[in-house]
Amino acid sequence: MKKDSQYFSKQDLRKQYRHILASLLPDRRKEAADALLTSLYPKLEGNVLSFASKDDEIDLTEFNERLVDEGRLLLSRVEGDSLAIYRVTDYSSQLLVSKWYIDEPNPALCEEGVMYVYEPNRDDEIIGDKPIGKDDHSMDSLRYMIMGLDWKEAA
């Protein structure tokens, strides 16, 4: 990190979070996963953009499986220099391990780009590029975050 900068580099953040995660005891990880289910889950509406946790992270398996049961789980996948969003309908069979050892949606088995919904005309053709503002908060947040990161790198 630069001394005169208020921003951390990606490497600095990864190192900091690895240290924090390594210090969490298994009981605390379980407590956090349970709190996620009892406190946050009931407040979530619509589709939910989540991630498949790794062994050293808080286990999101039960959280993600509940979302799958309701048809609301969306996971991202790195494709080149971009992230693609997929709907996962079977948590145990639709994930592949990426080259970074992260579980990601298998594009051959999952529906892509389901975060934005467009109004079709009477022939079911999509006209224009303005999505309907419904269940798109996660996609908007992801887009704004990526735009912010691109802006910071360009500055």
N, C-alpha and C. Protein backbone atom coordinates (compact mmCIF):
# COMPACT_ATOMS: atom_id res chain seq x y z
N MET A 1 0.84 -1.18 0.00
CA MET A 1 0.00 0.00 0.00
C MET A 1 0.89 1.24 0.00
N LYS A 2 0.51 2.24 -0.77
CA LYS A 2 1.25 3.50 -0.77
C LYS A 2 0.96 4.24 0.52
N LYS A 3 1.98 4.88 1.07
CA LYS A 3 1.80 5.60 2.33
C LYS A 3 0.86 6.78 2.19
N ASP A 4 0.85 7.43 1.02
CA ASP A 4 0.00 8.60 0.84
C ASP A 4 -1.39 8.25 0.29
N SER A 5 -1.66 6.99 0.14
CA SER A 5 -2.93 6.56 -0.43
C SER A 5 -3.87 6.06 0.65
N GLN A 6 -5.16 6.28 0.45
CA GLN A 6 -6.15 5.76 1.39
C GLN A 6 -6.65 4.39 0.95
N TYR A 7 -6.18 3.89 -0.19
CA TYR A 7 -6.64 2.62 -0.74
C TYR A 7 -5.58 1.54 -0.56
N PHE A 8 -6.06 0.32 -0.29
CA PHE A 8 -5.18 -0.83 -0.20
C PHE A 8 -5.09 -1.47 -1.58
N SER A 9 -3.97 -2.10 -1.88
CA SER A 9 -3.87 -2.88 -3.11
C SER A 9 -4.64 -4.18 -2.91
N LYS A 10 -4.95 -4.84 -4.00
CA LYS A 10 -5.65 -6.11 -3.94
C LYS A 10 -4.83 -7.12 -3.12
N GLN A 11 -3.52 -7.12 -3.32
CA GLN A 11 -2.65 -8.05 -2.58
C GLN A 11 -2.68 -7.75 -1.08
N ASP A 12 -2.68 -6.47 -0.71
CA ASP A 12 -2.75 -6.10 0.71
C ASP A 12 -4.06 -6.57 1.34
N LEU A 13 -5.16 -6.36 0.62
CA LEU A 13 -6.47 -6.78 1.14
C LEU A 13 -6.54 -8.30 1.29
N ARG A 14 -6.04 -9.02 0.29
CA ARG A 14 -6.05 -10.48 0.38
C ARG A 14 -5.25 -10.97 1.59
N LYS A 15 -4.08 -10.38 1.78
CA LYS A 15 -3.23 -10.77 2.91
C LYS A 15 -3.94 -10.48 4.23
N GLN A 16 -4.57 -9.31 4.34
CA GLN A 16 -5.28 -8.93 5.56
C GLN A 16 -6.44 -9.88 5.84
N TYR A 17 -7.24 -10.19 4.81
CA TYR A 17 -8.39 -11.06 5.02
C TYR A 17 -7.98 -12.51 5.26
N ARG A 18 -6.90 -12.97 4.64
CA ARG A 18 -6.41 -14.33 4.93
C ARG A 18 -6.01 -14.44 6.39
N HIS A 19 -5.36 -13.40 6.90
CA HIS A 19 -4.95 -13.39 8.31
C HIS A 19 -6.18 -13.42 9.22
N ILE A 20 -7.18 -12.62 8.92
CA ILE A 20 -8.41 -12.59 9.73
C ILE A 20 -9.11 -13.94 9.68
N LEU A 21 -9.25 -14.51 8.48
CA LEU A 21 -9.93 -15.81 8.35
C LEU A 21 -9.16 -16.91 9.08
N ALA A 22 -7.84 -16.88 8.99
CA ALA A 22 -7.04 -17.91 9.66
C ALA A 22 -7.18 -17.85 11.18
N SER A 23 -7.50 -16.67 11.71
CA SER A 23 -7.62 -16.54 13.16
C SER A 23 -9.00 -16.95 13.69
N LEU A 24 -9.97 -17.16 12.79
CA LEU A 24 -11.30 -17.57 13.24
C LEU A 24 -11.31 -19.04 13.64
N LEU A 25 -11.78 -19.32 14.83
CA LEU A 25 -11.90 -20.70 15.29
C LEU A 25 -13.12 -21.35 14.63
N PRO A 26 -13.11 -22.67 14.48
CA PRO A 26 -14.24 -23.37 13.84
C PRO A 26 -15.60 -23.05 14.48
N ASP A 27 -15.63 -22.92 15.81
CA ASP A 27 -16.90 -22.59 16.48
C ASP A 27 -17.40 -21.22 16.06
N ARG A 28 -16.49 -20.28 15.89
CA ARG A 28 -16.89 -18.93 15.48
C ARG A 28 -17.38 -18.92 14.02
N ARG A 29 -16.75 -19.72 13.17
CA ARG A 29 -17.20 -19.83 11.78
C ARG A 29 -18.62 -20.40 11.72
N LYS A 30 -18.88 -21.41 12.53
CA LYS A 30 -20.22 -22.02 12.59
C LYS A 30 -21.23 -21.01 13.12
N GLU A 31 -20.85 -20.27 14.14
CA GLU A 31 -21.73 -19.24 14.71
C GLU A 31 -22.08 -18.18 13.65
N ALA A 32 -21.09 -17.78 12.86
CA ALA A 32 -21.32 -16.77 11.82
C ALA A 32 -22.23 -17.33 10.71
N ALA A 33 -22.04 -18.58 10.34
CA ALA A 33 -22.89 -19.20 9.32
C ALA A 33 -24.33 -19.31 9.82
N ASP A 34 -24.50 -19.66 11.09
CA ASP A 34 -25.84 -19.74 11.68
C ASP A 34 -26.50 -18.36 11.73
N ALA A 35 -25.73 -17.34 12.08
CA ALA A 35 -26.26 -15.98 12.15
C ALA A 35 -26.69 -15.50 10.76
N LEU A 36 -25.95 -15.89 9.75
CA LEU A 36 -26.31 -15.55 8.38
C LEU A 36 -27.69 -16.09 8.04
N LEU A 37 -27.94 -17.33 8.45
CA LEU A 37 -29.22 -17.97 8.16
C LEU A 37 -30.37 -17.38 8.97
N THR A 38 -30.11 -17.04 10.22
CA THR A 38 -31.20 -16.57 11.07
C THR A 38 -31.43 -15.07 10.99
N SER A 39 -30.39 -14.30 10.74
CA SER A 39 -30.52 -12.84 10.75
C SER A 39 -30.64 -12.23 9.35
N LEU A 40 -29.75 -12.60 8.46
CA LEU A 40 -29.74 -11.98 7.14
C LEU A 40 -30.71 -12.65 6.17
N TYR A 41 -30.70 -13.95 6.13
CA TYR A 41 -31.50 -14.67 5.13
C TYR A 41 -32.97 -14.24 5.09
N PRO A 42 -33.65 -14.12 6.24
CA PRO A 42 -35.06 -13.74 6.19
C PRO A 42 -35.31 -12.35 5.59
N LYS A 43 -34.30 -11.52 5.53
CA LYS A 43 -34.47 -10.16 5.01
C LYS A 43 -34.24 -10.06 3.50
N LEU A 44 -33.72 -11.11 2.90
CA LEU A 44 -33.37 -11.08 1.49
C LEU A 44 -34.59 -11.32 0.62
N GLU A 45 -34.71 -10.52 -0.42
CA GLU A 45 -35.82 -10.66 -1.36
C GLU A 45 -35.25 -10.84 -2.76
N GLY A 46 -35.97 -11.54 -3.61
CA GLY A 46 -35.56 -11.70 -5.00
C GLY A 46 -34.32 -12.56 -5.14
N ASN A 47 -33.66 -12.41 -6.27
CA ASN A 47 -32.44 -13.16 -6.54
C ASN A 47 -31.32 -12.68 -5.63
N VAL A 48 -30.41 -13.59 -5.29
CA VAL A 48 -29.29 -13.25 -4.41
C VAL A 48 -27.99 -13.68 -5.08
N LEU A 49 -27.10 -12.71 -5.28
CA LEU A 49 -25.77 -12.99 -5.81
C LEU A 49 -24.88 -13.36 -4.63
N SER A 50 -24.43 -14.60 -4.61
CA SER A 50 -23.62 -15.12 -3.51
C SER A 50 -22.29 -15.62 -4.07
N PHE A 51 -21.59 -16.44 -3.31
CA PHE A 51 -20.38 -17.10 -3.79
C PHE A 51 -20.25 -18.43 -3.09
N ALA A 52 -19.49 -19.33 -3.68
CA ALA A 52 -19.23 -20.63 -3.08
C ALA A 52 -18.00 -20.47 -2.19
N SER A 53 -18.20 -20.63 -0.89
CA SER A 53 -17.11 -20.39 0.06
C SER A 53 -16.05 -21.48 -0.04
N LYS A 54 -14.83 -21.08 0.33
CA LYS A 54 -13.71 -22.02 0.39
C LYS A 54 -13.60 -22.55 1.82
N ASP A 55 -12.75 -23.54 2.01
CA ASP A 55 -12.63 -24.20 3.30
C ASP A 55 -12.24 -23.27 4.44
N ASP A 56 -11.47 -22.23 4.15
CA ASP A 56 -11.01 -21.34 5.21
C ASP A 56 -11.94 -20.14 5.43
N GLU A 57 -13.12 -20.16 4.78
CA GLU A 57 -14.09 -19.08 4.92
C GLU A 57 -15.31 -19.57 5.69
N ILE A 58 -16.18 -18.65 6.02
CA ILE A 58 -17.44 -19.03 6.66
C ILE A 58 -18.24 -19.87 5.66
N ASP A 59 -18.72 -21.01 6.08
CA ASP A 59 -19.38 -21.96 5.20
C ASP A 59 -20.75 -21.42 4.74
N LEU A 60 -20.88 -21.20 3.44
CA LEU A 60 -22.12 -20.69 2.87
C LEU A 60 -22.96 -21.79 2.22
N THR A 61 -22.57 -23.04 2.40
CA THR A 61 -23.26 -24.14 1.72
C THR A 61 -24.75 -24.17 2.04
N GLU A 62 -25.12 -24.17 3.31
CA GLU A 62 -26.53 -24.24 3.67
C GLU A 62 -27.28 -22.99 3.19
N PHE A 63 -26.67 -21.84 3.31
CA PHE A 63 -27.25 -20.59 2.82
C PHE A 63 -27.54 -20.70 1.32
N ASN A 64 -26.53 -21.13 0.55
CA ASN A 64 -26.69 -21.25 -0.90
C ASN A 64 -27.70 -22.33 -1.27
N GLU A 65 -27.71 -23.44 -0.54
CA GLU A 65 -28.67 -24.50 -0.84
C GLU A 65 -30.11 -24.05 -0.60
N ARG A 66 -30.34 -23.23 0.42
CA ARG A 66 -31.68 -22.68 0.64
C ARG A 66 -32.09 -21.79 -0.53
N LEU A 67 -31.15 -20.99 -1.01
CA LEU A 67 -31.44 -20.14 -2.16
C LEU A 67 -31.75 -20.98 -3.40
N VAL A 68 -31.02 -22.07 -3.58
CA VAL A 68 -31.29 -22.98 -4.70
C VAL A 68 -32.70 -23.54 -4.60
N ASP A 69 -33.10 -23.97 -3.40
CA ASP A 69 -34.44 -24.53 -3.20
C ASP A 69 -35.53 -23.55 -3.60
N GLU A 70 -35.24 -22.25 -3.48
CA GLU A 70 -36.21 -21.21 -3.83
C GLU A 70 -35.99 -20.65 -5.24
N GLY A 71 -34.99 -21.18 -5.95
CA GLY A 71 -34.69 -20.71 -7.30
C GLY A 71 -34.11 -19.31 -7.35
N ARG A 72 -33.37 -18.91 -6.29
CA ARG A 72 -32.88 -17.52 -6.19
C ARG A 72 -31.36 -17.39 -6.16
N LEU A 73 -30.62 -18.50 -6.31
CA LEU A 73 -29.16 -18.42 -6.18
C LEU A 73 -28.50 -18.03 -7.50
N LEU A 74 -27.71 -16.98 -7.43
CA LEU A 74 -26.90 -16.54 -8.54
C LEU A 74 -25.44 -16.54 -8.09
N LEU A 75 -24.58 -17.08 -8.95
CA LEU A 75 -23.14 -17.10 -8.66
C LEU A 75 -22.41 -16.51 -9.85
N SER A 76 -21.27 -15.90 -9.59
CA SER A 76 -20.46 -15.33 -10.66
C SER A 76 -19.39 -16.32 -11.09
N ARG A 77 -18.91 -16.09 -12.31
CA ARG A 77 -17.86 -16.91 -12.89
C ARG A 77 -16.91 -15.98 -13.64
N VAL A 78 -15.62 -16.15 -13.44
CA VAL A 78 -14.64 -15.36 -14.17
C VAL A 78 -14.54 -15.91 -15.59
N GLU A 79 -14.75 -15.02 -16.55
CA GLU A 79 -14.63 -15.40 -17.97
C GLU A 79 -13.77 -14.36 -18.65
N GLY A 80 -12.49 -14.69 -18.84
CA GLY A 80 -11.54 -13.73 -19.40
C GLY A 80 -11.31 -12.61 -18.40
N ASP A 81 -11.59 -11.39 -18.82
CA ASP A 81 -11.43 -10.22 -17.95
C ASP A 81 -12.75 -9.78 -17.35
N SER A 82 -13.78 -10.60 -17.45
CA SER A 82 -15.12 -10.22 -17.00
C SER A 82 -15.69 -11.23 -16.01
N LEU A 83 -16.75 -10.80 -15.35
CA LEU A 83 -17.53 -11.70 -14.52
C LEU A 83 -18.86 -11.94 -15.21
N ALA A 84 -19.26 -13.19 -15.29
CA ALA A 84 -20.58 -13.54 -15.81
C ALA A 84 -21.40 -14.07 -14.65
N ILE A 85 -22.69 -13.82 -14.68
CA ILE A 85 -23.59 -14.24 -13.61
C ILE A 85 -24.45 -15.39 -14.12
N TYR A 86 -24.59 -16.44 -13.29
CA TYR A 86 -25.38 -17.62 -13.66
C TYR A 86 -26.34 -17.97 -12.53
N ARG A 87 -27.51 -18.48 -12.92
CA ARG A 87 -28.45 -19.04 -11.95
C ARG A 87 -28.07 -20.50 -11.73
N VAL A 88 -27.89 -20.88 -10.48
CA VAL A 88 -27.55 -22.26 -10.11
C VAL A 88 -28.81 -22.90 -9.53
N THR A 89 -29.20 -24.03 -10.11
CA THR A 89 -30.41 -24.73 -9.66
C THR A 89 -30.10 -26.06 -8.98
N ASP A 90 -28.84 -26.49 -9.02
CA ASP A 90 -28.42 -27.70 -8.31
C ASP A 90 -27.01 -27.47 -7.79
N TYR A 91 -26.91 -27.19 -6.50
CA TYR A 91 -25.65 -26.79 -5.89
C TYR A 91 -24.60 -27.90 -5.92
N SER A 92 -25.03 -29.14 -5.89
CA SER A 92 -24.07 -30.24 -5.83
C SER A 92 -23.54 -30.67 -7.20
N SER A 93 -24.22 -30.31 -8.29
CA SER A 93 -23.78 -30.81 -9.59
C SER A 93 -23.45 -29.73 -10.63
N GLN A 94 -23.74 -28.47 -10.35
CA GLN A 94 -23.56 -27.44 -11.37
C GLN A 94 -22.34 -26.55 -11.14
N LEU A 95 -21.43 -26.95 -10.27
CA LEU A 95 -20.24 -26.14 -10.01
C LEU A 95 -18.99 -26.85 -10.53
N LEU A 96 -18.06 -26.06 -11.02
CA LEU A 96 -16.75 -26.54 -11.45
C LEU A 96 -15.68 -25.83 -10.63
N VAL A 97 -14.56 -26.48 -10.42
CA VAL A 97 -13.45 -25.84 -9.71
C VAL A 97 -12.61 -25.08 -10.73
N SER A 98 -12.44 -23.77 -10.51
CA SER A 98 -11.68 -22.93 -11.43
C SER A 98 -10.18 -23.14 -11.24
N LYS A 99 -9.40 -22.49 -12.09
CA LYS A 99 -7.94 -22.61 -11.96
C LYS A 99 -7.43 -21.96 -10.68
N TRP A 100 -8.28 -21.14 -10.03
CA TRP A 100 -7.93 -20.52 -8.75
C TRP A 100 -8.49 -21.34 -7.58
N TYR A 101 -8.99 -22.54 -7.87
CA TYR A 101 -9.57 -23.44 -6.86
C TYR A 101 -10.80 -22.83 -6.19
N ILE A 102 -11.59 -22.14 -6.99
CA ILE A 102 -12.85 -21.56 -6.54
C ILE A 102 -13.98 -22.26 -7.27
N ASP A 103 -15.01 -22.67 -6.54
CA ASP A 103 -16.18 -23.26 -7.18
C ASP A 103 -16.94 -22.18 -7.93
N GLU A 104 -17.15 -22.43 -9.22
CA GLU A 104 -17.89 -21.50 -10.06
C GLU A 104 -18.96 -22.26 -10.83
N PRO A 105 -19.99 -21.56 -11.31
CA PRO A 105 -21.04 -22.23 -12.08
C PRO A 105 -20.49 -22.83 -13.37
N ASN A 106 -21.00 -23.99 -13.73
CA ASN A 106 -20.66 -24.63 -14.99
C ASN A 106 -21.55 -23.99 -16.06
N PRO A 107 -20.97 -23.26 -17.02
CA PRO A 107 -21.79 -22.55 -18.00
C PRO A 107 -22.62 -23.49 -18.88
N ALA A 108 -22.20 -24.75 -19.00
CA ALA A 108 -22.97 -25.70 -19.81
C ALA A 108 -24.25 -26.15 -19.09
N LEU A 109 -24.31 -25.97 -17.76
CA LEU A 109 -25.44 -26.47 -16.99
C LEU A 109 -26.29 -25.37 -16.35
N CYS A 110 -25.85 -24.12 -16.43
CA CYS A 110 -26.54 -23.02 -15.75
C CYS A 110 -27.02 -21.97 -16.74
N GLU A 111 -28.07 -21.27 -16.35
CA GLU A 111 -28.62 -20.19 -17.16
C GLU A 111 -27.79 -18.93 -16.91
N GLU A 112 -27.36 -18.26 -17.99
CA GLU A 112 -26.50 -17.09 -17.86
C GLU A 112 -27.29 -15.78 -17.89
N GLY A 113 -26.72 -14.77 -17.23
CA GLY A 113 -27.20 -13.40 -17.35
C GLY A 113 -28.62 -13.18 -16.89
N VAL A 114 -28.97 -13.74 -15.76
CA VAL A 114 -30.35 -13.70 -15.32
C VAL A 114 -30.66 -12.55 -14.38
N MET A 115 -29.72 -11.64 -14.19
CA MET A 115 -29.94 -10.58 -13.22
C MET A 115 -30.82 -9.45 -13.76
N TYR A 116 -30.69 -9.17 -15.04
CA TYR A 116 -31.52 -8.12 -15.63
C TYR A 116 -32.67 -8.76 -16.39
N VAL A 117 -33.85 -8.16 -16.26
CA VAL A 117 -35.03 -8.63 -16.98
C VAL A 117 -35.49 -7.49 -17.89
N TYR A 118 -35.74 -7.83 -19.15
CA TYR A 118 -36.15 -6.84 -20.13
C TYR A 118 -37.59 -7.09 -20.54
N GLU A 119 -38.29 -6.02 -20.88
CA GLU A 119 -39.68 -6.10 -21.32
C GLU A 119 -39.72 -6.55 -22.78
N PRO A 120 -40.30 -7.72 -23.06
CA PRO A 120 -40.40 -8.14 -24.46
C PRO A 120 -41.61 -7.48 -25.13
N ASN A 121 -41.58 -7.41 -26.45
CA ASN A 121 -42.75 -6.93 -27.16
C ASN A 121 -43.71 -8.12 -27.35
N ARG A 122 -44.76 -7.93 -28.11
CA ARG A 122 -45.77 -9.00 -28.23
C ARG A 122 -45.24 -10.23 -28.96
N ASP A 123 -44.11 -10.12 -29.67
CA ASP A 123 -43.50 -11.26 -30.34
C ASP A 123 -42.37 -11.87 -29.51
N ASP A 124 -42.31 -11.52 -28.22
CA ASP A 124 -41.26 -11.98 -27.30
C ASP A 124 -39.86 -11.56 -27.73
N GLU A 125 -39.76 -10.46 -28.46
CA GLU A 125 -38.46 -9.91 -28.81
C GLU A 125 -38.14 -8.79 -27.83
N ILE A 126 -36.90 -8.72 -27.42
CA ILE A 126 -36.48 -7.66 -26.51
C ILE A 126 -36.12 -6.44 -27.35
N ILE A 127 -36.71 -5.31 -27.00
CA ILE A 127 -36.45 -4.07 -27.73
C ILE A 127 -35.79 -3.08 -26.78
N GLY A 128 -34.69 -2.50 -27.25
CA GLY A 128 -33.99 -1.52 -26.42
C GLY A 128 -33.06 -2.20 -25.43
N ASP A 129 -32.43 -1.38 -24.59
CA ASP A 129 -31.48 -1.92 -23.63
C ASP A 129 -31.77 -1.44 -22.21
N LYS A 130 -33.02 -1.05 -21.94
CA LYS A 130 -33.38 -0.60 -20.60
C LYS A 130 -34.09 -1.73 -19.86
N PRO A 131 -33.42 -2.29 -18.82
CA PRO A 131 -34.05 -3.40 -18.08
C PRO A 131 -35.19 -2.92 -17.19
N ILE A 132 -36.06 -3.85 -16.86
CA ILE A 132 -37.11 -3.59 -15.88
C ILE A 132 -36.44 -3.53 -14.52
N GLY A 133 -36.78 -2.57 -13.69
CA GLY A 133 -36.15 -2.42 -12.38
C GLY A 133 -36.74 -3.38 -11.36
N LYS A 134 -36.43 -4.68 -11.48
CA LYS A 134 -36.96 -5.69 -10.56
C LYS A 134 -35.87 -6.72 -10.29
N ASP A 135 -35.58 -7.00 -9.02
CA ASP A 135 -34.60 -8.01 -8.63
C ASP A 135 -33.23 -7.77 -9.28
N ASP A 136 -32.85 -6.52 -9.46
CA ASP A 136 -31.59 -6.24 -10.11
C ASP A 136 -30.58 -5.54 -9.21
N HIS A 137 -30.84 -5.51 -7.92
CA HIS A 137 -29.96 -4.78 -7.01
C HIS A 137 -28.56 -5.37 -6.96
N SER A 138 -28.45 -6.69 -6.96
CA SER A 138 -27.13 -7.32 -6.90
C SER A 138 -26.33 -7.01 -8.16
N MET A 139 -26.99 -7.08 -9.31
CA MET A 139 -26.30 -6.81 -10.57
C MET A 139 -25.85 -5.35 -10.62
N ASP A 140 -26.71 -4.44 -10.18
CA ASP A 140 -26.32 -3.03 -10.15
C ASP A 140 -25.14 -2.81 -9.21
N SER A 141 -25.18 -3.41 -8.04
CA SER A 141 -24.07 -3.26 -7.08
C SER A 141 -22.77 -3.78 -7.66
N LEU A 142 -22.84 -4.95 -8.30
CA LEU A 142 -21.65 -5.53 -8.91
C LEU A 142 -21.12 -4.63 -10.02
N ARG A 143 -22.01 -4.12 -10.85
CA ARG A 143 -21.61 -3.24 -11.95
C ARG A 143 -20.96 -1.98 -11.41
N TYR A 144 -21.56 -1.35 -10.40
CA TYR A 144 -21.00 -0.11 -9.85
C TYR A 144 -19.66 -0.36 -9.17
N MET A 145 -19.52 -1.51 -8.50
CA MET A 145 -18.25 -1.84 -7.87
C MET A 145 -17.16 -1.99 -8.92
N ILE A 146 -17.46 -2.72 -9.99
CA ILE A 146 -16.47 -2.93 -11.05
C ILE A 146 -16.11 -1.61 -11.72
N MET A 147 -17.12 -0.77 -11.98
CA MET A 147 -16.86 0.55 -12.55
C MET A 147 -15.97 1.37 -11.63
N GLY A 148 -16.21 1.29 -10.32
CA GLY A 148 -15.39 2.01 -9.35
C GLY A 148 -13.96 1.52 -9.34
N LEU A 149 -13.77 0.20 -9.44
CA LEU A 149 -12.42 -0.34 -9.47
C LEU A 149 -11.71 0.08 -10.74
N ASP A 150 -12.42 0.04 -11.89
CA ASP A 150 -11.82 0.49 -13.14
C ASP A 150 -11.42 1.95 -13.06
N TRP A 151 -12.28 2.79 -12.45
CA TRP A 151 -12.00 4.21 -12.33
C TRP A 151 -10.77 4.44 -11.48
N LYS A 152 -10.66 3.71 -10.34
CA LYS A 152 -9.52 3.89 -9.45
C LYS A 152 -8.22 3.49 -10.13
N GLU A 153 -8.24 2.39 -10.93
CA GLU A 153 -7.04 1.95 -11.61
C GLU A 153 -6.64 2.94 -12.70
N ALA A 154 -7.62 3.57 -13.33
CA ALA A 154 -7.32 4.53 -14.39
C ALA A 154 -6.77 5.83 -13.83
N ALA A 155 -7.12 6.14 -12.59
CA ALA A 155 -6.69 7.41 -11.99
C ALA A 155 -5.22 7.42 -11.63
